[in-house]
Protein backbone atom coordinates (compact mmCIF):
# COMPACT_ATOMS: atom_id res chain seq x y z
CA MET A 1 6.11 33.86 4.48
CA THR A 2 7.50 37.28 3.81
CA GLY A 3 10.23 38.12 6.42
CA LEU A 4 11.09 34.60 7.36
CA SER A 5 14.77 33.70 7.11
CA VAL A 6 16.22 30.44 5.66
CA GLU A 7 17.21 29.41 9.12
CA THR A 8 13.65 29.81 10.24
CA LEU A 9 12.26 27.86 7.39
CA ALA A 10 14.77 25.09 8.09
CA ALA A 11 13.71 24.96 11.74
CA ALA A 12 10.30 24.36 10.71
CA GLY A 13 11.34 21.55 8.42
CA THR A 14 10.09 23.33 5.28
CA GLY A 15 13.19 24.94 3.80
CA PRO A 16 16.81 24.10 2.64
CA ILE A 17 19.10 23.11 5.37
CA THR A 18 22.33 23.03 3.27
CA SER A 19 23.79 24.68 0.12
CA ALA A 20 25.69 21.59 -1.10
CA GLY A 21 26.20 21.16 -4.88
CA ASN A 22 24.49 18.71 -7.18
CA THR A 23 27.39 16.17 -7.07
CA GLN A 24 27.49 16.21 -3.25
CA LEU A 25 23.84 15.86 -2.99
CA GLY A 26 23.78 13.01 -5.36
CA ILE A 27 26.47 11.23 -3.33
CA ALA A 28 24.51 12.09 -0.17
CA VAL A 29 21.43 10.38 -1.54
CA LEU A 30 23.12 7.34 -2.83
CA ALA A 31 24.90 7.04 0.54
CA GLY A 32 21.83 7.61 2.66
CA ILE A 33 19.90 4.82 0.62
CA ALA A 34 22.94 2.65 0.72
CA VAL A 35 22.94 2.88 4.51
CA ILE A 36 19.21 2.03 4.63
CA VAL A 37 19.71 -0.84 2.34
CA LEU A 38 22.65 -2.17 4.29
CA LEU A 39 20.92 -2.01 7.58
CA ILE A 40 17.84 -3.63 6.36
CA ALA A 41 19.03 -6.33 3.97
CA ARG A 42 22.36 -7.28 5.59
CA LEU A 43 22.15 -6.32 9.35
CA LYS A 44 18.54 -7.26 9.56
CA LEU A 45 17.69 -4.03 11.41
CA HIS A 46 14.17 -2.91 11.75
CA ALA A 47 13.21 -0.51 8.95
CA PHE A 48 12.25 2.23 11.48
CA LEU A 49 15.66 2.35 12.86
CA ALA A 50 17.25 1.87 9.41
CA LEU A 51 15.21 4.89 8.08
CA THR A 52 16.20 7.07 10.95
CA VAL A 53 19.86 6.33 10.85
CA GLY A 54 19.79 6.64 6.92
CA SER A 55 18.21 10.03 7.47
CA LEU A 56 20.92 11.15 9.65
CA ALA A 57 23.41 9.89 7.16
CA LEU A 58 21.97 11.67 4.41
CA GLY A 59 22.15 14.85 6.26
CA ALA A 60 25.66 14.32 7.13
CA PHE A 61 26.84 13.46 3.82
CA ALA A 62 25.17 16.52 2.38
CA GLY A 63 26.90 18.63 4.82
CA ALA A 64 23.96 19.75 6.76
CA PRO A 65 23.98 20.57 10.52
CA LEU A 66 23.05 17.61 12.77
CA ALA A 67 20.51 19.74 14.64
CA LYS A 68 18.76 20.96 11.40
CA THR A 69 18.86 17.38 9.98
CA ILE A 70 17.14 16.18 13.19
CA THR A 71 14.55 18.96 12.85
CA SER A 72 13.66 17.99 9.31
CA PHE A 73 13.38 14.30 10.22
CA THR A 74 11.12 14.86 13.27
CA ALA A 75 9.06 17.44 11.33
CA GLY A 76 8.57 14.96 8.41
CA LEU A 77 7.79 12.15 10.80
CA GLY A 78 5.18 14.09 12.71
CA SER A 79 3.48 15.40 9.65
CA THR A 80 3.36 12.01 8.00
CA VAL A 81 1.87 10.32 11.10
CA ALA A 82 -0.61 13.19 11.54
CA GLY A 83 -1.74 12.76 7.93
CA VAL A 84 -2.04 9.00 7.56
CA GLY A 85 -1.61 7.52 11.15
CA VAL A 86 -5.25 7.66 12.01
CA LEU A 87 -6.37 6.30 8.72
CA ILE A 88 -4.07 3.25 8.97
CA ALA A 89 -5.42 2.75 12.62
CA LEU A 90 -9.12 2.80 11.36
CA GLY A 91 -8.10 0.37 8.55
CA ALA A 92 -6.63 -1.98 11.08
CA ILE A 93 -9.68 -1.92 13.25
CA LEU A 94 -11.97 -2.59 10.33
CA GLY A 95 -9.83 -5.43 9.21
CA LYS A 96 -9.68 -7.05 12.55
CA LEU A 97 -13.44 -6.79 12.84
CA LEU A 98 -13.80 -8.31 9.41
CA ALA A 99 -11.56 -11.32 10.53
CA ASP A 100 -12.72 -11.96 14.06
CA SER A 101 -16.40 -11.74 13.37
CA GLY A 102 -16.21 -14.31 10.49
CA GLY A 103 -17.19 -11.76 7.98
CA ALA A 104 -14.24 -12.53 5.71
CA ASP A 105 -15.16 -16.21 6.03
CA GLU A 106 -18.66 -15.47 4.89
CA ILE A 107 -17.45 -13.77 1.89
CA VAL A 108 -15.16 -16.50 0.96
CA ASP A 109 -17.77 -19.38 1.55
CA THR A 110 -20.58 -17.36 -0.28
CA ILE A 111 -18.45 -16.81 -3.40
CA LEU A 112 -16.80 -20.25 -3.40
CA ALA A 113 -20.21 -21.89 -3.22
CA ARG A 114 -21.23 -20.39 -6.50
CA ALA A 115 -17.84 -21.03 -8.33
CA LYS A 116 -16.92 -24.32 -9.82
CA GLY A 117 -14.33 -25.56 -12.11
CA ARG A 118 -12.84 -22.83 -14.47
CA ALA A 119 -14.47 -20.10 -12.52
CA MET A 120 -12.41 -20.88 -9.41
CA PRO A 121 -9.38 -18.84 -10.11
CA TRP A 122 -11.74 -15.91 -10.92
CA ALA A 123 -13.54 -16.43 -7.68
CA MET A 124 -10.22 -16.44 -5.79
CA VAL A 125 -9.04 -13.19 -7.30
CA LEU A 126 -12.56 -11.53 -6.45
CA ILE A 127 -12.29 -12.77 -2.85
CA ALA A 128 -8.84 -11.53 -2.34
CA SER A 129 -9.63 -8.08 -3.99
CA VAL A 130 -12.63 -7.57 -1.80
CA ILE A 131 -11.05 -8.87 1.38
CA GLY A 132 -7.77 -6.99 0.61
CA LEU A 133 -9.36 -3.54 0.55
CA PRO A 134 -9.23 -2.98 4.20
CA LEU A 135 -6.52 -5.50 5.34
CA PHE A 136 -2.86 -5.09 5.30
CA PHE A 137 -1.06 -7.50 2.90
CA GLU A 138 0.50 -9.73 5.73
CA VAL A 139 -2.93 -10.16 7.46
CA GLY A 140 -4.79 -10.84 4.15
CA ILE A 141 -2.11 -13.62 3.42
CA VAL A 142 -2.56 -15.12 6.73
CA LEU A 143 -6.41 -15.04 6.44
CA LEU A 144 -6.59 -16.29 2.80
CA ILE A 145 -3.86 -18.70 2.56
CA PRO A 146 -5.65 -21.44 4.66
CA VAL A 147 -8.67 -20.86 2.27
CA VAL A 148 -6.43 -21.33 -0.83
CA LEU A 149 -4.98 -24.59 0.57
CA LEU A 150 -8.42 -26.01 1.42
CA VAL A 151 -9.83 -25.14 -1.98
CA ALA A 152 -6.77 -26.74 -3.78
CA LYS A 153 -6.94 -29.90 -1.68
CA ARG A 154 -10.76 -30.49 -1.76
CA GLY A 155 -11.10 -29.50 -5.31
CA ASN A 156 -7.97 -31.27 -6.57
CA TYR A 157 -6.90 -27.93 -8.15
CA SER A 158 -3.31 -27.06 -8.92
CA LEU A 159 -1.96 -24.81 -5.92
CA MET A 160 -0.45 -22.30 -8.36
CA ARG A 161 -3.96 -22.04 -10.27
CA ILE A 162 -5.75 -21.07 -7.06
CA GLY A 163 -2.99 -19.37 -5.12
CA ILE A 164 -1.63 -16.92 -7.77
CA PRO A 165 -5.02 -15.09 -8.29
CA ALA A 166 -5.42 -14.75 -4.49
CA LEU A 167 -1.83 -13.29 -4.03
CA ALA A 168 -2.32 -11.07 -7.03
CA GLY A 169 -5.55 -9.70 -5.61
CA LEU A 170 -4.02 -8.86 -2.22
CA SER A 171 -0.83 -7.43 -3.79
CA VAL A 172 -2.52 -5.02 -6.24
CA MET A 173 -4.74 -3.75 -3.48
CA HIS A 174 -1.59 -3.22 -1.17
CA GLY A 175 0.36 -1.36 -3.74
CA LEU A 176 -2.32 0.80 -5.63
CA ILE A 177 -5.44 1.23 -3.49
CA PRO A 178 -5.78 3.48 -0.33
CA PRO A 179 -6.35 3.03 2.64
CA HIS A 180 -3.05 0.97 2.52
CA PRO A 181 -0.01 2.79 3.95
CA GLY A 182 1.93 3.09 0.84
CA PRO A 183 -0.66 4.66 -1.39
CA LEU A 184 -1.81 6.91 1.59
CA VAL A 185 1.71 8.21 2.27
CA ALA A 186 2.47 8.92 -1.44
CA ILE A 187 -1.05 10.75 -1.63
CA ASP A 188 0.07 12.87 1.34
CA ALA A 189 3.58 13.45 0.05
CA LEU A 190 2.44 14.53 -3.45
CA HIS A 191 -0.68 16.27 -2.34
CA ALA A 192 -2.92 14.26 -4.58
CA ASN A 193 -6.73 14.15 -4.32
CA LEU A 194 -7.60 10.75 -2.61
CA GLY A 195 -10.83 10.21 -4.32
CA VAL A 196 -9.45 10.67 -7.81
CA THR A 197 -6.46 8.51 -6.75
CA LEU A 198 -8.75 5.98 -5.60
CA GLY A 199 -11.06 6.00 -8.71
CA LEU A 200 -7.98 5.84 -11.03
CA GLY A 201 -6.52 3.15 -8.92
CA VAL A 202 -9.59 0.96 -9.33
CA LEU A 203 -9.46 1.42 -13.13
CA VAL A 204 -5.68 0.29 -13.11
CA ALA A 205 -6.09 -2.42 -10.58
CA ILE A 206 -8.98 -4.27 -12.41
CA PRO A 207 -7.04 -5.14 -15.62
CA THR A 208 -3.81 -5.52 -13.78
CA VAL A 209 -5.21 -8.08 -11.35
CA ILE A 210 -6.82 -10.05 -14.21
CA ILE A 211 -3.65 -10.33 -16.12
CA SER A 212 -1.27 -11.04 -13.15
CA GLY A 213 -3.78 -13.32 -11.39
CA PRO A 214 -6.10 -15.75 -13.33
CA LEU A 215 -4.19 -15.38 -16.68
CA PHE A 216 -0.62 -15.53 -15.40
CA ALA A 217 -1.69 -18.31 -13.04
CA ARG A 218 -2.00 -20.72 -16.08
CA TYR A 219 1.66 -20.34 -16.86
CA ALA A 220 2.73 -20.48 -13.23
CA ALA A 221 0.89 -23.69 -12.75
CA ARG A 222 2.78 -25.29 -15.68
CA TRP A 223 5.99 -24.04 -14.29
CA VAL A 224 5.68 -25.05 -10.55
CA ASP A 225 3.07 -27.92 -10.32
CA ILE A 226 2.77 -28.80 -6.76
CA PRO A 227 -0.01 -29.96 -4.38
CA ALA A 228 -1.15 -28.09 -1.22
CA PRO A 229 1.18 -29.02 1.56
CA GLU A 230 -0.69 -31.27 4.00
CA HIS A 231 0.90 -29.84 7.26
CA MET A 232 -0.26 -26.26 6.37
CA ILE A 233 -3.93 -27.14 5.90
CA ALA A 234 -5.50 -25.99 9.21
CA GLN A 235 -9.11 -25.82 10.54
CA ARG A 236 -11.00 -22.79 9.79
CA PRO A 237 -11.51 -20.62 13.08
CA SER A 238 -14.99 -19.40 12.39
CA ALA A 239 -16.80 -22.36 10.94
CA ASP A 240 -20.17 -22.10 12.53
CA PRO A 241 -22.33 -19.89 10.02
CA GLU A 242 -24.85 -19.13 12.83
CA HIS A 243 -22.32 -16.82 14.28
CA ARG A 244 -21.31 -14.94 11.19
CA PRO A 245 -22.54 -11.63 9.92
CA ARG A 246 -24.64 -11.81 6.65
CA PHE A 247 -22.76 -11.55 3.29
CA GLY A 248 -24.63 -8.53 2.12
CA ALA A 249 -23.90 -6.56 5.37
CA THR A 250 -20.35 -7.71 5.23
CA VAL A 251 -19.67 -6.49 1.59
CA PHE A 252 -21.66 -3.17 2.35
CA THR A 253 -19.48 -2.54 5.33
CA VAL A 254 -16.14 -3.24 3.44
CA LEU A 255 -17.10 -1.24 0.33
CA LEU A 256 -18.70 1.74 2.44
CA PRO A 257 -15.48 3.89 2.81
CA VAL A 258 -14.58 3.21 -0.93
CA VAL A 259 -18.11 4.31 -2.03
CA LEU A 260 -18.02 7.44 0.09
CA MET A 261 -14.60 8.58 -1.19
CA LEU A 262 -15.49 7.86 -4.93
CA LEU A 263 -18.77 9.70 -4.34
CA LYS A 264 -16.93 12.67 -3.06
CA ALA A 265 -14.57 12.57 -6.00
CA LEU A 266 -17.38 12.36 -8.42
CA VAL A 267 -19.37 15.28 -7.05
CA ASP A 268 -16.26 17.36 -6.90
CA ILE A 269 -15.82 16.81 -10.62
CA VAL A 270 -19.54 17.17 -11.69
CA VAL A 271 -20.55 19.91 -9.41
CA ASN A 272 -17.39 21.76 -8.71
CA ASP A 273 -18.94 24.42 -6.51
CA PRO A 274 -17.67 24.70 -3.01
CA ALA A 275 -20.83 26.41 -1.93
CA ASN A 276 -23.17 23.86 -3.18
CA ALA A 277 -25.01 21.90 -0.30
CA VAL A 278 -24.57 18.46 -1.87
CA GLN A 279 -20.77 19.07 -2.42
CA ARG A 280 -20.33 20.27 0.98
CA VAL A 281 -22.01 17.13 2.52
CA THR A 282 -19.94 14.78 0.36
CA ASP A 283 -16.77 16.57 1.07
CA VAL A 284 -17.24 15.82 4.62
CA ALA A 285 -18.61 12.39 4.34
CA GLY A 286 -16.14 11.31 1.67
CA SER A 287 -13.18 12.55 3.53
CA PRO A 288 -10.88 9.57 4.39
CA LEU A 289 -11.06 10.07 8.17
CA ILE A 290 -14.99 10.23 8.15
CA ALA A 291 -15.40 7.48 5.52
CA LEU A 292 -13.14 5.00 7.39
CA LEU A 293 -14.61 6.12 10.83
CA ALA A 294 -18.13 5.54 9.48
CA ALA A 295 -17.22 1.99 8.24
CA VAL A 296 -15.72 1.17 11.59
CA LEU A 297 -18.69 2.30 13.60
CA VAL A 298 -21.00 0.55 11.10
CA GLY A 299 -18.90 -2.54 11.33
CA MET A 300 -19.26 -2.77 15.00
CA PHE A 301 -22.95 -3.53 14.37
CA THR A 302 -23.01 -5.22 11.11
CA LEU A 303 -19.99 -7.40 12.01
CA GLY A 304 -19.23 -7.32 15.60
CA ARG A 305 -22.81 -7.36 17.12
CA ALA A 306 -23.99 -9.83 14.14
CA ALA A 307 -21.22 -12.23 15.37
CA GLY A 308 -22.61 -11.97 19.00
CA PHE A 309 -19.93 -9.79 20.25
CA SER A 310 -20.41 -8.08 23.63
CA ARG A 311 -19.36 -4.62 24.24
CA ALA A 312 -16.34 -5.91 26.06
CA ARG A 313 -15.44 -8.21 23.15
CA LEU A 314 -15.83 -5.23 20.68
CA SER A 315 -13.42 -3.16 22.83
CA THR A 316 -10.86 -6.06 23.17
CA THR A 317 -10.99 -6.52 19.27
CA VAL A 318 -10.25 -2.87 18.60
CA GLU A 319 -7.51 -2.83 21.21
CA LYS A 320 -5.89 -5.98 19.67
CA SER A 321 -6.11 -4.51 16.13
CA LEU A 322 -3.90 -1.40 17.26
CA ALA A 323 -0.93 -3.34 18.69
CA PRO A 324 0.36 -5.10 15.40
CA ILE A 325 0.18 -1.69 13.47
CA ALA A 326 2.78 -0.07 15.90
CA GLY A 327 5.66 -1.12 13.68
CA ILE A 328 3.88 -0.07 10.48
CA LEU A 329 3.27 3.37 11.97
CA LEU A 330 6.82 3.84 13.08
CA ILE A 331 8.04 2.78 9.62
CA VAL A 332 5.71 4.99 7.78
CA GLY A 333 6.68 7.93 10.15
CA ALA A 334 10.30 7.36 9.68
CA GLY A 335 9.79 7.19 5.93
CA GLY A 336 8.03 10.55 6.12
CA GLY A 337 11.13 11.88 8.06
CA PHE A 338 13.50 10.57 5.41
CA LYS A 339 11.36 12.06 2.66
CA GLN A 340 11.39 15.54 4.46
CA THR A 341 15.20 15.21 4.86
CA LEU A 342 15.57 14.64 1.12
CA ILE A 343 13.46 17.71 0.37
CA ASP A 344 15.18 19.89 3.00
CA VAL A 345 18.71 19.04 1.81
CA GLY A 346 17.69 20.24 -1.63
CA VAL A 347 17.36 16.89 -3.41
CA GLY A 348 13.99 17.28 -4.74
CA GLN A 349 14.79 20.69 -6.12
CA THR A 350 17.94 19.21 -7.87
CA ILE A 351 15.95 16.51 -9.45
CA LEU A 352 13.45 19.02 -10.68
CA ASP A 353 16.22 21.08 -12.19
CA LEU A 354 17.94 18.06 -13.76
CA SER A 355 14.67 16.48 -15.01
CA LYS A 356 14.18 19.55 -17.37
CA ASP A 357 16.89 18.09 -19.56
CA TRP A 358 15.94 14.48 -19.29
CA ALA A 359 13.88 12.69 -22.00
CA VAL A 360 12.50 10.35 -19.44
CA PRO A 361 8.69 11.03 -18.77
CA THR A 362 7.96 11.87 -15.18
CA LEU A 363 5.58 8.71 -14.43
CA LEU A 364 8.31 6.50 -15.87
CA LEU A 365 11.14 8.23 -13.89
CA ALA A 366 8.97 7.81 -10.57
CA TRP A 367 8.31 4.11 -11.42
CA LEU A 368 12.14 3.53 -11.83
CA ILE A 369 13.02 5.10 -8.73
CA ALA A 370 10.51 2.99 -6.82
CA VAL A 371 11.80 -0.04 -8.50
CA ALA A 372 15.29 0.61 -7.55
CA ILE A 373 14.52 1.13 -3.95
CA ARG A 374 12.17 -1.82 -3.88
CA LEU A 375 14.95 -4.11 -5.24
CA ALA A 376 17.45 -2.84 -2.79
CA THR A 377 15.33 -2.79 0.29
CA GLY A 378 12.69 -5.47 -0.12
CA SER A 379 10.07 -3.11 1.15
CA ALA A 380 7.10 -1.88 -1.01
CA THR A 381 6.24 0.65 1.71
CA VAL A 382 9.89 2.14 1.96
CA ALA A 383 10.04 2.11 -1.76
CA THR A 384 6.80 4.00 -1.95
CA ILE A 385 7.77 6.67 0.72
CA SER A 386 11.22 7.21 -0.59
CA ALA A 387 10.28 7.55 -4.29
CA ALA A 388 7.47 9.89 -3.23
CA GLY A 389 9.95 12.14 -1.37
CA LEU A 390 12.36 12.22 -4.21
CA VAL A 391 9.76 13.16 -6.98
CA ALA A 392 7.51 15.39 -4.90
CA PRO A 393 8.79 18.62 -6.56
CA LEU A 394 7.82 17.18 -9.85
CA ALA A 395 4.16 17.08 -8.96
CA ALA A 396 4.14 20.86 -8.20
CA GLY A 397 2.62 21.92 -11.56
CA MET A 398 0.71 18.76 -12.34
CA SER A 399 -3.07 18.56 -12.67
CA THR A 400 -5.07 16.67 -10.28
CA THR A 401 -5.27 13.64 -12.58
CA GLN A 402 -1.56 13.59 -13.31
CA THR A 403 -0.70 13.81 -9.71
CA ALA A 404 -2.84 10.86 -8.89
CA LEU A 405 -1.33 8.97 -11.74
CA LEU A 406 2.04 9.81 -10.33
CA VAL A 407 1.09 7.96 -6.97
CA LEU A 408 -0.10 4.96 -9.02
CA ALA A 409 3.20 4.74 -11.00
CA ILE A 410 5.15 4.93 -7.75
CA GLY A 411 2.92 2.32 -6.17
CA ALA A 412 3.36 -0.06 -9.33
CA GLY A 413 7.08 0.33 -9.07
CA SER A 414 7.11 -0.48 -5.36
CA LEU A 415 5.86 -4.03 -6.24
CA PHE A 416 8.54 -4.99 -8.70
CA PHE A 417 10.29 -8.43 -8.34
CA SER A 418 9.85 -9.32 -4.63
CA HIS A 419 12.94 -11.68 -3.70
CA VAL A 420 14.89 -12.90 -0.73
CA ASN A 421 15.09 -9.43 0.99
CA ASP A 422 11.25 -9.29 1.31
CA ALA A 423 9.47 -10.79 4.18
CA GLY A 424 6.39 -11.36 1.98
CA PHE A 425 8.68 -13.64 -0.22
CA TRP A 426 9.38 -16.08 2.58
CA LEU A 427 5.88 -15.83 3.85
CA VAL A 428 4.56 -17.19 0.67
CA LYS A 429 7.34 -19.73 0.23
CA GLU A 430 6.55 -21.15 3.69
CA TYR A 431 2.76 -21.33 3.35
CA PHE A 432 2.86 -22.96 -0.12
CA GLY A 433 5.84 -25.37 0.75
CA MET A 434 7.97 -24.24 -2.27
CA THR A 435 11.57 -23.96 -2.77
CA VAL A 436 13.41 -20.57 -3.21
CA GLY A 437 13.57 -21.23 -7.02
CA GLN A 438 9.87 -22.10 -7.41
CA THR A 439 8.96 -19.05 -5.32
CA LEU A 440 11.05 -16.75 -7.68
CA LYS A 441 9.44 -18.49 -10.75
CA THR A 442 5.83 -17.79 -9.42
CA TRP A 443 5.47 -15.13 -6.71
CA SER A 444 8.41 -13.00 -7.82
CA VAL A 445 7.36 -13.18 -11.37
CA MET A 446 3.84 -12.46 -10.50
CA GLU A 447 4.90 -9.16 -8.64
CA THR A 448 6.85 -8.16 -11.71
CA VAL A 449 3.92 -8.73 -13.89
CA ILE A 450 1.82 -6.53 -11.64
CA SER A 451 4.35 -3.70 -11.52
CA VAL A 452 5.01 -3.72 -15.43
CA VAL A 453 1.25 -4.06 -16.30
CA GLY A 454 0.25 -1.53 -13.75
CA LEU A 455 2.65 1.02 -15.21
CA GLY A 456 1.38 0.31 -18.67
CA PHE A 457 -2.12 1.21 -17.79
CA VAL A 458 -0.98 4.21 -15.84
CA LEU A 459 0.96 5.41 -18.88
CA LEU A 460 -2.28 4.58 -21.05
CA LEU A 461 -4.48 6.73 -18.84
CA SER A 462 -1.94 9.51 -18.93
CA LEU A 463 -2.51 9.81 -22.75
CA VAL A 464 -6.39 10.04 -22.64
CA LEU A 465 -6.80 12.07 -19.29
């Protein structure tokens, strides 16, 4: 980069765009986040628009020229969408194939047929964790809640005893495990290794989902003992098993991208030779794009064709899967623009300089920042994106393992105490027929348990790795 001026770097969205002091930058950050919170929480503005306006406000309060703020925002938006947009789209296609083909129902029914009595909460958390890998959180809720209500009704189970494990499985996958948007964006922002993050994420997710799911459900069922609401129990859409893909083929398809990415990470660690033929193959096969693309292509046969889908039906399914994620892509992109604006006005470097004198560990600091933004905005994705942008400079000198743990700390913080400004809060409340108070005592506490326990295991891993 020798010979490039500060102005040239700023125009590319990769350099400082203001020389404001630390106090002004601090005020600018608080003002920018406050604008986003106000627009989302009070004025109910779409998160994409709120992040866009908030980025411009951040630049204005920091004293940056408007043109350069716009350049930073658009550069960040473009790089973020380029980095994770295709992955989100592929994940949406795989999830739609899983739902429409009846593959999700096949997994649910097969596991439930083998689970009775006390094993039922554990079966529900297993179902939600497997189904939640390729599905967005809201889609997973819509898909699984009817199952939860049916099981609770027919088996005469406490709704919380069955529902909390399912919600915990979905939420943990959403916050900690790629290819969900939040973890993917954090990995991209912090330049973390996706395979290592995925592997460590699984290590953190397993005990976290056990504690926040089946174990916490015992207490939640005592606090809120309600039956499944009759008016919400609906007929399952794909009830004919003759038109479903087989259980083994469905599980293989869902887990294929996870296995390929974990295999790449394992070979990179064990072989550690870029010239090695095996490593070259796994580097390609285990790259997120190829792994997810392979799962989608395989799923068209193991899920779509097995369900009797014609070529036209497969094409329609793919097309319908992409429309609902337009808003998600815009939010993720705008979040990337906000992140880049934070970096370019010098906030990241300021935090890096100030943190040298702080006694707060980096992982805890990242978690606290994500918690604050989550409480303010109600969005786990916005919290993850913003926190990743703020702490990105702190990851510069970290090892691959520590950077991955930083991603997980942010993801755990982004799930903290969902309340009335979170769409997921109202979705759970309405589906389960609870009052606001009951939802706070169950769903909100469960999210907090996930966040705190997840951070605890991240910190434990940081001590031994």
